[in-house]
Amino acid sequence: MKCLILAAGDGTRMRIFPQYSKLPKSLIPVYGVAIIERIIKTIKKSDINDFIIVLGYKSHLIKSFLEKRKLDVNISFISNLDWKTKDNAYSVYLAKKYLKEEKKFLMVMGDHLFDERIIENLIRYQSDKILTLVISREKTLKEDTKVLEENGLIIENGKNLKKFNAVDKGIFLCQPQVFDYFEKAIKKNKTQISEVVNLIAKDKKADIFDISSISYDYIKKLRKRVNLWCIDIDTPKELKKAEKKILEKITKDPSDLVAKYFNYHLENFLTTKLSPLPISPNQVTLFVNFLAYITAFLFLKGQLTLAIILAFIVGVIDGVDGKLARLKMEETKIGEMEHAFDFLFESIWILALGTYFSQAFSNNLYLILSSLIISLTGFYRFVYDRFGKITRISLDMIDSLSKKIRRIAARRNIFNLIILLTLIINKPQLSLLIIFFLSLFTACFYTIQAYRFLKDNKKITK
């Protein structure tokens, strides 16, 4: 399937603001990623790799930008030289020769940002109509294109409808026959897509795809559900709304107490500040690991105060790389191995601390405790990961008790907090003993929880 992106307009309402005045709207950055790049990357997640982009205002800037970005997709550019006088219907018609042989094609606006799950479900939608319009049932704004539909068929759409029951979201699934209607409309001086949709609707060949019909599951990686969204960016206010939605979508539900009340806000602040900079998530990961092994060295040498301060810093920055990858749409295979790298340096921290205490107090008990902690946390993580793969649910979210226990479970942040508190009372050697019992409790608790859940839900394992 191919995708047609309409990006010929000049975005007048955005250009009145100085920071956006020199850019075509589709090149305005959202957390460091241009709108049109976000659109392409979002659609690419549904295995669509062929794009036709209709350009007009400052077309050379958009074309040059996309050619330099190397997004690993095929892009054909079309110039709408009459973009000032002929509206978006004409832009669509210009793409006829690129799409006339397609069974179906996707069409989106070059200033809309949307959840990838909308595209995933839309391209699977079975319809015999030549045009399917994505709609929502949300509260309408004055500038929205309204839709009146009955029994799934579009009756009428337009900005000034007095009777309507849905909102046009600017995403279409089309068959090539739509070009016959676009040609007919242009001959009648009808230059708006909505006018063409009305022509198709009169022949009962236009239906709707309601966003609310999409069932969206719990996202295990984020430990939460995220509402579907689609935003037309016409004003700075809508741009801020889109940024808020994107940040919400990429942010995990905090796990432990430290992450919830401390790391969460710092991570979001740092991520948004780093996003416009030429810093990749993998570079942040490398920096985190560099700091982590300095921390391990400080633990080994008994520089506990400095080590624990650096450990908390590592905890915050370690949450940034994943968020930055999701925010900038730069997730990689290396990034998927992040948790393995984390477990490695966390284990070395515990081992370094046990080695230091064993030497300082001439007692191998601390080294034994550190080895047991590493084994227990390793086992707990194995159970946690396997449970997630089997059920697609996070083990620490299966019931209210699990959600409460996860706030104090055996995680790096809680370990750091324990070490800090024992340092404050000048009994740092107690930290390993407390961490051992916490690790033992966590491993036992979640193993029992996993067993009980899988036993009660046998269908999941079949």
Protein backbone atom coordinates (compact mmCIF):
# COMPACT_ATOMS: atom_id res chain seq x y z
CA MET A 1 0.00 0.00 0.00
CA LYS A 2 1.12 3.55 -0.74
CA CYS A 3 0.48 6.74 1.19
CA LEU A 4 -0.34 10.17 -0.21
CA ILE A 5 0.67 13.13 1.97
CA LEU A 6 -0.73 16.57 1.18
CA ALA A 7 1.79 19.24 2.20
CA ALA A 8 1.30 22.08 -0.29
CA GLY A 9 -0.29 24.69 1.99
CA ASP A 10 1.47 27.65 3.57
CA GLY A 11 0.13 27.32 7.13
CA THR A 12 -0.90 30.97 7.42
CA ARG A 13 -2.07 30.73 11.04
CA MET A 14 1.29 29.38 12.18
CA ARG A 15 3.39 31.86 10.17
CA ILE A 16 2.14 34.86 12.12
CA PHE A 17 4.34 33.64 14.99
CA PRO A 18 8.02 34.63 14.50
CA GLN A 19 9.47 31.24 15.49
CA TYR A 20 7.49 29.54 12.70
CA SER A 21 7.50 32.27 10.04
CA LYS A 22 10.37 30.93 7.91
CA LEU A 23 9.29 27.29 7.78
CA PRO A 24 6.57 25.44 5.89
CA LYS A 25 4.23 24.05 8.51
CA SER A 26 5.17 20.43 7.88
CA LEU A 27 8.79 21.22 8.86
CA ILE A 28 7.90 22.72 12.24
CA PRO A 29 9.68 20.57 14.84
CA VAL A 30 7.76 18.70 17.51
CA TYR A 31 10.30 17.69 20.16
CA GLY A 32 13.06 18.00 17.60
CA VAL A 33 11.31 15.99 14.87
CA ALA A 34 9.60 17.75 11.94
CA ILE A 35 5.87 17.13 11.59
CA ILE A 36 6.23 15.46 8.19
CA GLU A 37 8.99 13.19 9.47
CA ARG A 38 6.78 12.14 12.37
CA ILE A 39 3.97 11.39 9.93
CA ILE A 40 6.21 9.22 7.73
CA LYS A 41 7.71 7.35 10.69
CA THR A 42 4.26 6.78 12.22
CA ILE A 43 2.85 5.35 8.98
CA LYS A 44 5.99 3.30 8.35
CA LYS A 45 5.22 1.34 11.53
CA SER A 46 2.36 -0.23 9.56
CA ASP A 47 4.83 -1.49 6.92
CA ILE A 48 3.95 1.25 4.43
CA ASN A 49 7.16 2.32 2.72
CA ASP A 50 6.01 4.14 -0.44
CA PHE A 51 5.02 7.78 -0.12
CA ILE A 52 3.81 10.38 -2.60
CA ILE A 53 4.10 13.91 -1.21
CA VAL A 54 2.41 16.88 -2.87
CA LEU A 55 4.36 20.09 -2.22
CA GLY A 56 3.66 23.75 -2.84
CA TYR A 57 4.75 26.47 -0.41
CA LYS A 58 8.55 26.42 -0.02
CA SER A 59 8.61 22.96 -1.58
CA HIS A 60 12.39 23.03 -1.98
CA LEU A 61 12.86 23.15 1.80
CA ILE A 62 10.67 20.09 2.42
CA LYS A 63 12.21 18.12 -0.44
CA SER A 64 15.76 18.94 0.64
CA PHE A 65 14.97 18.09 4.27
CA LEU A 66 13.50 14.66 3.48
CA GLU A 67 16.29 13.78 1.03
CA LYS A 68 18.87 14.50 3.75
CA ARG A 69 17.00 12.60 6.46
CA LYS A 70 17.30 9.21 4.69
CA LEU A 71 14.22 7.67 6.29
CA ASP A 72 14.60 4.35 4.46
CA VAL A 73 11.37 4.80 2.48
CA ASN A 74 10.55 5.53 -1.16
CA ILE A 75 9.33 9.09 -1.71
CA SER A 76 7.97 10.61 -4.91
CA PHE A 77 7.48 14.38 -4.91
CA ILE A 78 4.76 16.24 -6.82
CA SER A 79 4.75 20.03 -7.18
CA ASN A 80 1.44 21.83 -7.03
CA LEU A 81 2.45 25.05 -8.78
CA ASP A 82 -1.06 26.44 -8.28
CA TRP A 83 -1.16 25.89 -4.52
CA LYS A 84 -2.13 29.54 -3.91
CA THR A 85 -5.24 29.42 -6.09
CA LYS A 86 -6.18 25.75 -6.16
CA ASP A 87 -6.89 24.00 -2.92
CA ASN A 88 -6.16 20.51 -1.58
CA ALA A 89 -8.55 18.71 -3.95
CA TYR A 90 -6.29 19.70 -6.83
CA SER A 91 -3.26 18.41 -4.90
CA VAL A 92 -4.98 15.03 -4.62
CA TYR A 93 -5.82 14.95 -8.31
CA LEU A 94 -2.18 15.57 -9.25
CA ALA A 95 -1.28 12.23 -7.63
CA LYS A 96 -3.55 10.20 -9.94
CA LYS A 97 -0.79 8.81 -12.15
CA TYR A 98 1.10 7.51 -9.09
CA LEU A 99 -1.90 5.76 -7.52
CA LYS A 100 -4.28 4.74 -10.30
CA GLU A 101 -2.99 1.15 -10.32
CA GLU A 102 -3.24 0.69 -6.55
CA LYS A 103 -5.99 -1.44 -5.07
CA LYS A 104 -6.20 0.99 -2.14
CA PHE A 105 -4.09 3.83 -0.82
CA LEU A 106 -3.82 5.88 2.34
CA MET A 107 -4.20 9.67 2.28
CA VAL A 108 -3.23 12.01 5.13
CA MET A 109 -2.73 15.71 5.67
CA GLY A 110 0.81 17.05 6.08
CA ASP A 111 -0.08 18.90 9.27
CA HIS A 112 -1.84 16.14 11.22
CA LEU A 113 -0.19 14.03 13.91
CA PHE A 114 -1.86 10.82 15.02
CA ASP A 115 -1.51 7.59 16.94
CA GLU A 116 0.00 4.78 14.84
CA ARG A 117 -2.74 2.41 16.06
CA ILE A 118 -5.26 4.34 13.96
CA ILE A 119 -3.31 3.52 10.79
CA GLU A 120 -2.74 -0.10 11.85
CA ASN A 121 -6.48 -0.64 12.23
CA LEU A 122 -7.55 1.48 9.26
CA ILE A 123 -5.52 -0.47 6.69
CA ARG A 124 -7.12 -3.70 7.95
CA TYR A 125 -10.61 -2.23 7.65
CA GLN A 126 -12.75 -4.11 5.14
CA SER A 127 -14.99 -1.83 3.06
CA ASP A 128 -16.39 -1.89 -0.46
CA LYS A 129 -16.67 1.92 -0.53
CA ILE A 130 -14.26 3.97 -2.59
CA LEU A 131 -13.54 6.35 0.28
CA THR A 132 -13.35 5.73 4.01
CA LEU A 133 -12.94 8.73 6.30
CA VAL A 134 -11.50 8.48 9.82
CA ILE A 135 -13.78 10.27 12.29
CA SER A 136 -14.02 10.78 16.03
CA ARG A 137 -16.89 11.64 18.37
CA GLU A 138 -15.01 14.24 20.40
CA LYS A 139 -16.21 17.73 21.24
CA THR A 140 -15.98 19.89 18.12
CA LEU A 141 -14.14 23.18 17.70
CA LYS A 142 -15.27 25.99 15.41
CA GLU A 143 -12.56 25.28 12.81
CA ASP A 144 -13.18 21.51 12.71
CA THR A 145 -14.59 19.85 9.61
CA LYS A 146 -17.84 18.28 10.79
CA VAL A 147 -19.41 15.06 9.54
CA LEU A 148 -22.98 13.87 9.43
CA GLU A 149 -23.17 10.10 9.12
CA GLU A 150 -25.98 7.56 9.27
CA ASN A 151 -25.46 3.81 9.64
CA GLY A 152 -21.78 4.20 8.82
CA LEU A 153 -22.31 6.12 5.58
CA ILE A 154 -21.31 9.76 5.17
CA ILE A 155 -24.29 11.99 4.44
CA GLU A 156 -22.45 15.30 4.40
CA ASN A 157 -19.31 16.96 5.68
CA GLY A 158 -17.97 20.51 5.93
CA LYS A 159 -16.88 23.19 8.37
CA ASN A 160 -20.26 24.95 8.54
CA LEU A 161 -22.62 22.04 9.06
CA LYS A 162 -25.36 22.79 11.58
CA LYS A 163 -26.33 19.15 11.95
CA PHE A 164 -23.47 16.71 12.54
CA ASN A 165 -22.44 13.82 14.77
CA ALA A 166 -18.71 13.36 14.15
CA VAL A 167 -15.43 15.15 13.40
CA ASP A 168 -13.32 14.65 10.26
CA LYS A 169 -9.77 13.64 11.32
CA GLY A 170 -8.14 14.15 7.90
CA ILE A 171 -7.13 10.52 7.31
CA PHE A 172 -8.58 8.60 4.37
CA LEU A 173 -8.46 5.10 2.90
CA CYS A 174 -9.23 5.35 -0.81
CA GLN A 175 -9.68 3.33 -3.95
CA PRO A 176 -8.40 4.79 -7.27
CA GLN A 177 -12.00 5.48 -8.38
CA VAL A 178 -11.94 8.55 -6.13
CA PHE A 179 -9.92 10.36 -8.80
CA ASP A 180 -12.98 10.34 -11.08
CA TYR A 181 -14.80 12.38 -8.45
CA PHE A 182 -11.83 14.70 -7.90
CA GLU A 183 -11.71 15.36 -11.65
CA LYS A 184 -15.45 16.01 -11.73
CA ALA A 185 -15.19 18.37 -8.74
CA ILE A 186 -12.29 20.36 -10.21
CA LYS A 187 -14.22 20.89 -13.45
CA LYS A 188 -17.02 22.35 -11.33
CA ASN A 189 -14.57 24.65 -9.48
CA LYS A 190 -14.89 22.63 -6.27
CA THR A 191 -11.40 22.69 -4.78
CA GLN A 192 -11.89 21.43 -1.22
CA ILE A 193 -11.57 17.74 -0.32
CA SER A 194 -14.74 18.04 1.75
CA GLU A 195 -16.64 19.05 -1.40
CA VAL A 196 -15.36 15.95 -3.20
CA VAL A 197 -16.32 13.77 -0.24
CA ASN A 198 -19.85 15.17 -0.49
CA LEU A 199 -20.01 14.18 -4.17
CA ILE A 200 -18.92 10.65 -3.30
CA ALA A 201 -21.34 10.57 -0.36
CA LYS A 202 -24.28 11.42 -2.65
CA ASP A 203 -23.58 8.18 -4.51
CA LYS A 204 -23.41 6.31 -1.16
CA LYS A 205 -19.80 5.37 -1.80
CA ALA A 206 -18.23 7.02 1.27
CA ASP A 207 -18.22 5.50 4.73
CA ILE A 208 -16.58 6.20 8.08
CA PHE A 209 -13.98 4.57 10.28
CA ASP A 210 -14.72 5.54 13.87
CA ILE A 211 -11.68 5.82 16.15
CA SER A 212 -13.84 4.81 19.10
CA SER A 213 -14.34 1.39 17.45
CA ILE A 214 -10.67 0.58 17.99
CA SER A 215 -9.99 -1.46 21.11
CA TYR A 216 -6.61 -0.54 22.54
CA ASP A 217 -4.84 -2.85 24.92
CA TYR A 218 -2.67 -2.24 27.91
CA ILE A 219 0.86 -1.40 26.71
CA LYS A 220 3.18 -3.64 28.70
CA LYS A 221 6.30 -1.62 27.90
CA LEU A 222 4.68 1.52 29.33
CA ARG A 223 2.73 -0.26 32.09
CA LYS A 224 -0.45 1.65 31.19
CA ARG A 225 -3.19 2.26 28.64
CA VAL A 226 -2.87 5.25 26.29
CA ASN A 227 -5.92 6.83 24.66
CA LEU A 228 -5.96 7.11 20.86
CA TRP A 229 -5.41 10.62 19.54
CA CYS A 230 -5.25 12.63 16.32
CA ILE A 231 -4.53 16.38 16.15
CA ASP A 232 -4.70 18.87 13.29
CA ILE A 233 -1.90 21.38 13.95
CA ASP A 234 -3.14 24.75 12.76
CA THR A 235 -2.10 26.91 15.72
CA PRO A 236 0.63 27.00 18.40
CA LYS A 237 -2.02 25.95 20.91
CA GLU A 238 -2.69 22.78 18.93
CA LEU A 239 1.05 22.21 18.63
CA LYS A 240 1.34 22.31 22.44
CA LYS A 241 -1.59 19.90 22.67
CA ALA A 242 0.16 17.49 20.30
CA GLU A 243 3.37 17.72 22.35
CA LYS A 244 1.42 16.89 25.50
CA LYS A 245 -0.19 13.86 23.85
CA ILE A 246 3.12 12.59 22.49
CA LEU A 247 4.86 12.97 25.87
CA GLU A 248 2.00 11.13 27.56
CA LYS A 249 2.24 8.33 25.01
CA ILE A 250 5.98 7.72 25.44
CA THR A 251 6.13 8.02 29.24
CA LYS A 252 6.04 4.88 31.34
CA ASP A 253 3.91 4.66 34.44
CA PRO A 254 6.51 5.01 37.24
CA SER A 255 7.21 1.81 39.12
CA ASP A 256 8.76 2.44 42.55
CA LEU A 257 8.43 5.33 45.00
CA VAL A 258 11.62 7.08 43.88
CA ALA A 259 10.67 6.85 40.20
CA LYS A 260 7.14 8.15 40.87
CA TYR A 261 7.92 11.11 43.09
CA PHE A 262 11.43 12.10 41.99
CA ASN A 263 12.80 10.58 38.77
CA TYR A 264 9.62 10.91 36.73
CA HIS A 265 9.55 14.71 36.63
CA LEU A 266 13.30 15.11 36.16
CA GLU A 267 13.35 12.55 33.34
CA ASN A 268 10.55 14.32 31.48
CA PHE A 269 12.26 17.70 31.91
CA LEU A 270 15.62 16.42 30.66
CA THR A 271 14.08 14.45 27.79
CA THR A 272 12.16 17.44 26.42
CA LYS A 273 15.20 19.70 26.76
CA LEU A 274 17.48 17.20 24.99
CA SER A 275 15.03 16.37 22.18
CA PRO A 276 15.87 19.39 19.94
CA LEU A 277 19.61 18.74 20.31
CA PRO A 278 21.67 16.45 18.02
CA ILE A 279 22.04 13.87 20.78
CA SER A 280 20.97 10.31 20.05
CA PRO A 281 19.38 7.96 22.62
CA ASN A 282 22.30 5.53 22.15
CA GLN A 283 24.76 8.29 23.10
CA VAL A 284 22.78 8.83 26.30
CA THR A 285 22.91 5.07 26.97
CA LEU A 286 26.69 5.06 26.56
CA PHE A 287 26.99 8.04 28.90
CA VAL A 288 24.81 6.30 31.49
CA ASN A 289 26.99 3.19 31.39
CA PHE A 290 30.13 5.32 31.69
CA LEU A 291 28.74 6.95 34.85
CA ALA A 292 27.49 3.59 36.13
CA TYR A 293 30.94 1.99 36.08
CA ILE A 294 32.48 5.03 37.76
CA THR A 295 29.83 4.52 40.43
CA ALA A 296 30.83 0.86 40.76
CA PHE A 297 34.46 1.90 41.21
CA LEU A 298 33.46 4.38 43.94
CA PHE A 299 31.47 1.66 45.76
CA LEU A 300 34.47 -0.66 45.54
CA LYS A 301 36.75 2.00 47.03
CA GLY A 302 34.32 2.83 49.84
CA GLN A 303 33.50 6.33 48.58
CA LEU A 304 29.90 5.63 49.50
CA THR A 305 28.51 9.17 49.73
CA LEU A 306 29.84 10.15 46.33
CA ALA A 307 28.83 6.77 44.90
CA ILE A 308 25.21 7.03 46.05
CA ILE A 309 24.86 10.58 44.72
CA LEU A 310 26.14 9.40 41.35
CA ALA A 311 23.88 6.33 41.57
CA PHE A 312 20.79 8.56 41.83
CA ILE A 313 22.04 10.64 38.88
CA VAL A 314 22.49 7.45 36.85
CA GLY A 315 18.94 6.44 37.79
CA VAL A 316 17.51 9.66 36.39
CA ILE A 317 19.58 9.77 33.19
CA ASP A 318 18.95 6.05 32.59
CA GLY A 319 15.26 6.87 32.28
CA VAL A 320 16.01 9.50 29.67
CA ASP A 321 17.48 7.36 26.87
CA GLY A 322 14.37 5.22 26.41
CA LYS A 323 12.05 8.21 26.59
CA LEU A 324 14.25 10.13 24.18
CA ALA A 325 14.20 7.21 21.73
CA ARG A 326 10.41 7.05 21.81
CA LEU A 327 10.05 10.84 21.69
CA LYS A 328 12.37 11.25 18.69
CA MET A 329 11.12 7.99 17.10
CA GLU A 330 14.66 6.59 17.09
CA GLU A 331 14.16 3.23 18.80
CA THR A 332 16.86 0.72 17.86
CA LYS A 333 17.78 -2.92 18.47
CA ILE A 334 20.58 -1.72 20.74
CA GLY A 335 18.02 0.18 22.79
CA GLU A 336 16.04 -3.02 23.29
CA MET A 337 19.09 -4.47 25.08
CA GLU A 338 19.13 -1.60 27.56
CA HIS A 339 17.65 -3.66 30.41
CA ALA A 340 20.41 -6.25 30.03
CA PHE A 341 23.04 -3.49 30.30
CA ASP A 342 21.21 -2.09 33.33
CA PHE A 343 21.16 -5.44 35.11
CA LEU A 344 24.88 -5.87 34.45
CA PHE A 345 25.96 -2.61 36.05
CA GLU A 346 23.42 -2.91 38.88
CA SER A 347 24.88 -6.34 39.70
CA ILE A 348 28.40 -4.93 39.62
CA TRP A 349 27.31 -2.18 42.05
CA ILE A 350 26.05 -4.77 44.53
CA LEU A 351 29.13 -6.93 44.07
CA ALA A 352 31.43 -3.91 44.52
CA LEU A 353 29.60 -2.92 47.69
CA GLY A 354 29.81 -6.47 49.04
CA THR A 355 33.53 -6.63 48.23
CA TYR A 356 34.17 -3.33 50.02
CA PHE A 357 32.25 -4.35 53.17
CA SER A 358 33.92 -7.79 53.22
CA GLN A 359 37.33 -6.16 53.16
CA ALA A 360 36.43 -3.34 55.57
CA PHE A 361 34.90 -5.65 58.18
CA SER A 362 36.96 -8.78 57.38
CA ASN A 363 33.75 -10.75 56.95
CA ASN A 364 32.84 -12.72 53.82
CA LEU A 365 29.16 -12.59 54.78
CA TYR A 366 28.78 -9.35 52.80
CA LEU A 367 30.20 -10.94 49.67
CA ILE A 368 27.80 -13.87 50.11
CA LEU A 369 24.89 -11.47 50.59
CA SER A 370 25.79 -9.54 47.44
CA SER A 371 25.93 -12.79 45.43
CA LEU A 372 22.55 -13.88 46.77
CA ILE A 373 21.02 -10.46 45.96
CA ILE A 374 22.25 -10.69 42.35
CA SER A 375 20.84 -14.23 42.05
CA LEU A 376 17.46 -13.26 43.51
CA THR A 377 17.06 -10.12 41.41
CA GLY A 378 18.14 -12.07 38.33
CA PHE A 379 15.54 -14.74 39.04
CA TYR A 380 12.85 -12.14 39.75
CA ARG A 381 13.60 -10.35 36.46
CA PHE A 382 13.46 -13.65 34.58
CA VAL A 383 10.02 -14.45 36.03
CA TYR A 384 8.86 -10.88 35.33
CA ASP A 385 9.99 -10.96 31.69
CA ARG A 386 8.65 -14.45 30.97
CA PHE A 387 5.29 -13.58 32.52
CA GLY A 388 5.09 -10.46 30.34
CA LYS A 389 5.82 -12.42 27.17
CA ILE A 390 3.20 -15.04 28.00
CA THR A 391 0.41 -12.71 29.11
CA ARG A 392 1.40 -9.30 27.65
CA ILE A 393 0.67 -7.90 31.08
CA SER A 394 3.21 -6.55 33.58
CA LEU A 395 3.49 -8.85 36.58
CA ASP A 396 3.45 -5.90 38.94
CA MET A 397 0.10 -4.67 37.54
CA ILE A 398 -2.10 -7.76 37.74
CA ASP A 399 -3.99 -6.71 40.88
CA SER A 400 -4.16 -3.96 43.50
CA LEU A 401 -1.72 -5.72 45.86
CA SER A 402 0.89 -6.13 43.13
CA LYS A 403 0.55 -2.44 42.25
CA LYS A 404 1.21 -1.49 45.87
CA ILE A 405 4.14 -3.86 46.34
CA ARG A 406 5.87 -2.59 43.19
CA ARG A 407 6.38 0.77 44.91
CA ILE A 408 8.82 -0.84 47.33
CA ALA A 409 9.94 -3.91 45.33
CA ALA A 410 13.58 -4.88 44.78
CA ARG A 411 14.63 -2.33 42.18
CA ARG A 412 17.70 -0.17 41.75
CA ASN A 413 16.03 3.02 43.00
CA ILE A 414 14.88 1.35 46.22
CA PHE A 415 18.34 -0.19 46.70
CA ASN A 416 19.87 3.27 46.36
CA LEU A 417 17.38 4.68 48.84
CA ILE A 418 18.24 1.95 51.36
CA ILE A 419 21.96 2.63 50.96
CA LEU A 420 21.36 6.36 51.44
CA LEU A 421 19.28 5.87 54.59
CA THR A 422 21.85 3.52 56.16
CA LEU A 423 24.56 6.05 55.31
CA ILE A 424 22.59 8.75 57.12
CA ILE A 425 22.45 6.64 60.30
CA ASN A 426 26.13 5.71 59.80
CA LYS A 427 25.36 1.99 59.41
CA PRO A 428 25.95 1.43 55.67
CA GLN A 429 26.85 -2.25 56.18
CA LEU A 430 23.19 -2.88 57.06
CA SER A 431 22.17 -1.94 53.54
CA LEU A 432 23.13 -5.31 52.00
CA LEU A 433 21.23 -7.24 54.67
CA ILE A 434 18.08 -5.15 54.13
CA ILE A 435 18.43 -5.38 50.34
CA PHE A 436 18.85 -9.18 50.60
CA PHE A 437 15.58 -9.63 52.53
CA LEU A 438 13.78 -7.23 50.21
CA SER A 439 15.06 -9.17 47.17
CA LEU A 440 14.02 -12.47 48.73
CA PHE A 441 10.55 -11.10 49.50
CA THR A 442 10.14 -9.64 45.98
CA ALA A 443 11.24 -12.85 44.26
CA CYS A 444 8.90 -14.99 46.37
CA PHE A 445 5.95 -12.61 46.14
CA TYR A 446 5.99 -12.20 42.37
CA THR A 447 6.73 -15.87 41.71
CA ILE A 448 3.65 -16.80 43.73
CA GLN A 449 1.63 -14.08 41.99
CA ALA A 450 2.72 -15.34 38.55
CA TYR A 451 1.86 -18.95 39.47
CA ARG A 452 -1.58 -18.00 40.83
CA PHE A 453 -2.45 -15.80 37.85
CA LEU A 454 -1.39 -18.39 35.24
CA LYS A 455 -3.19 -21.14 37.14
CA ASP A 456 -6.41 -19.09 37.22
CA ASN A 457 -6.08 -18.06 33.57
CA LYS A 458 -5.15 -21.29 31.81
CA LYS A 459 -6.37 -20.07 28.40
CA ILE A 460 -3.50 -17.57 28.25
CA THR A 461 -0.90 -20.32 28.28
CA LYS A 462 -2.52 -22.45 25.52
